[in-house]
Amino acid sequence: MSSIEIHAHSYLRDYYERFGFEFIQEVEIVGEHQLIEMRYQLILT
């Protein structure tokens, strides 16, 4: 595994970016909530 991918509510984008996640794209709307795809690249040693 070289990365972690998540779907999160769009209003949490800044929160996840503080932990190193990168915004990839908007993915779907659930109810009235936009979900986004985010990825965290793992550094393997």
N, C-alpha and C. Protein backbone atom coordinates (compact mmCIF):
# COMPACT_ATOMS: atom_id res chain seq x y z
N MET A 1 0.86 -1.18 0.00
CA MET A 1 0.00 0.00 0.00
C MET A 1 0.90 1.24 0.00
N SER A 2 0.65 2.15 -0.93
CA SER A 2 1.46 3.35 -1.02
C SER A 2 0.68 4.63 -0.74
N SER A 3 -0.65 4.50 -0.60
CA SER A 3 -1.45 5.68 -0.29
C SER A 3 -2.74 5.27 0.41
N ILE A 4 -3.34 6.25 1.08
CA ILE A 4 -4.64 6.07 1.71
C ILE A 4 -5.60 7.01 1.01
N GLU A 5 -6.71 6.48 0.52
CA GLU A 5 -7.73 7.31 -0.16
C GLU A 5 -9.01 7.27 0.67
N ILE A 6 -9.61 8.45 0.82
CA ILE A 6 -10.85 8.55 1.59
C ILE A 6 -11.86 9.38 0.81
N HIS A 7 -13.13 9.20 1.15
CA HIS A 7 -14.20 10.09 0.71
C HIS A 7 -14.67 10.82 1.96
N ALA A 8 -14.68 12.14 1.90
CA ALA A 8 -15.03 12.95 3.06
C ALA A 8 -16.00 14.05 2.64
N HIS A 9 -16.71 14.59 3.60
CA HIS A 9 -17.56 15.75 3.32
C HIS A 9 -16.68 16.91 2.89
N SER A 10 -17.12 17.67 1.92
CA SER A 10 -16.29 18.75 1.37
C SER A 10 -15.93 19.79 2.42
N TYR A 11 -16.79 20.01 3.42
CA TYR A 11 -16.48 21.03 4.44
C TYR A 11 -15.32 20.60 5.35
N LEU A 12 -14.90 19.33 5.26
CA LEU A 12 -13.77 18.84 6.06
C LEU A 12 -12.45 18.86 5.28
N ARG A 13 -12.46 19.43 4.09
CA ARG A 13 -11.26 19.44 3.24
C ARG A 13 -10.06 20.07 3.96
N ASP A 14 -10.23 21.26 4.52
CA ASP A 14 -9.12 21.93 5.21
C ASP A 14 -8.61 21.10 6.38
N TYR A 15 -9.51 20.46 7.09
CA TYR A 15 -9.15 19.62 8.23
C TYR A 15 -8.20 18.50 7.79
N TYR A 16 -8.57 17.77 6.74
CA TYR A 16 -7.74 16.67 6.28
C TYR A 16 -6.44 17.14 5.64
N GLU A 17 -6.47 18.31 4.98
CA GLU A 17 -5.25 18.85 4.39
C GLU A 17 -4.21 19.16 5.46
N ARG A 18 -4.64 19.52 6.66
CA ARG A 18 -3.69 19.77 7.76
C ARG A 18 -2.92 18.52 8.13
N PHE A 19 -3.47 17.34 7.85
CA PHE A 19 -2.80 16.08 8.15
C PHE A 19 -2.04 15.53 6.95
N GLY A 20 -2.00 16.29 5.86
CA GLY A 20 -1.22 15.88 4.70
C GLY A 20 -2.01 15.26 3.57
N PHE A 21 -3.35 15.18 3.69
CA PHE A 21 -4.16 14.65 2.60
C PHE A 21 -4.23 15.67 1.48
N GLU A 22 -4.29 15.17 0.24
CA GLU A 22 -4.37 16.01 -0.95
C GLU A 22 -5.75 15.84 -1.59
N PHE A 23 -6.38 16.95 -1.96
CA PHE A 23 -7.67 16.91 -2.65
C PHE A 23 -7.47 16.32 -4.05
N ILE A 24 -8.33 15.36 -4.42
CA ILE A 24 -8.25 14.75 -5.75
C ILE A 24 -9.40 15.24 -6.64
N GLN A 25 -10.65 15.03 -6.18
CA GLN A 25 -11.80 15.44 -6.98
C GLN A 25 -13.08 15.37 -6.16
N GLU A 26 -14.11 16.05 -6.64
CA GLU A 26 -15.45 15.88 -6.08
C GLU A 26 -15.99 14.56 -6.62
N VAL A 27 -16.63 13.75 -5.76
CA VAL A 27 -17.04 12.43 -6.22
C VAL A 27 -18.54 12.21 -6.30
N GLU A 28 -19.29 12.58 -5.29
CA GLU A 28 -20.73 12.35 -5.34
C GLU A 28 -21.44 13.23 -4.31
N ILE A 29 -22.74 13.32 -4.46
CA ILE A 29 -23.56 14.05 -3.49
C ILE A 29 -24.43 13.02 -2.79
N VAL A 30 -24.39 13.04 -1.46
CA VAL A 30 -25.20 12.14 -0.64
C VAL A 30 -26.15 13.04 0.15
N GLY A 31 -27.45 12.91 -0.13
CA GLY A 31 -28.40 13.84 0.47
C GLY A 31 -28.10 15.22 -0.08
N GLU A 32 -27.75 16.15 0.81
CA GLU A 32 -27.37 17.50 0.38
C GLU A 32 -25.88 17.74 0.56
N HIS A 33 -25.11 16.69 0.77
CA HIS A 33 -23.69 16.84 1.11
C HIS A 33 -22.79 16.39 -0.03
N GLN A 34 -21.90 17.28 -0.45
CA GLN A 34 -20.90 16.96 -1.47
C GLN A 34 -19.77 16.17 -0.81
N LEU A 35 -19.43 15.02 -1.39
CA LEU A 35 -18.28 14.25 -0.92
C LEU A 35 -17.11 14.49 -1.86
N ILE A 36 -15.90 14.45 -1.29
CA ILE A 36 -14.70 14.64 -2.08
C ILE A 36 -13.76 13.47 -1.84
N GLU A 37 -12.93 13.20 -2.83
CA GLU A 37 -11.91 12.17 -2.71
C GLU A 37 -10.61 12.84 -2.30
N MET A 38 -9.94 12.26 -1.30
CA MET A 38 -8.66 12.79 -0.84
C MET A 38 -7.69 11.63 -0.71
N ARG A 39 -6.40 11.96 -0.87
CA ARG A 39 -5.36 10.92 -0.83
C ARG A 39 -4.20 11.38 0.03
N TYR A 40 -3.66 10.42 0.79
CA TYR A 40 -2.46 10.65 1.58
C TYR A 40 -1.38 9.70 1.07
N GLN A 41 -0.27 10.25 0.56
CA GLN A 41 0.83 9.42 0.06
C GLN A 41 1.67 8.95 1.23
N LEU A 42 1.83 7.64 1.33
CA LEU A 42 2.68 7.08 2.38
C LEU A 42 4.14 7.07 1.91
N ILE A 43 5.02 7.32 2.84
CA ILE A 43 6.44 7.24 2.55
C ILE A 43 6.95 5.94 3.14
N LEU A 44 7.28 5.00 2.28
CA LEU A 44 7.73 3.69 2.72
C LEU A 44 9.24 3.66 2.82
N THR A 45 9.74 3.13 3.91
CA THR A 45 11.20 3.05 4.08
C THR A 45 11.64 1.60 4.22
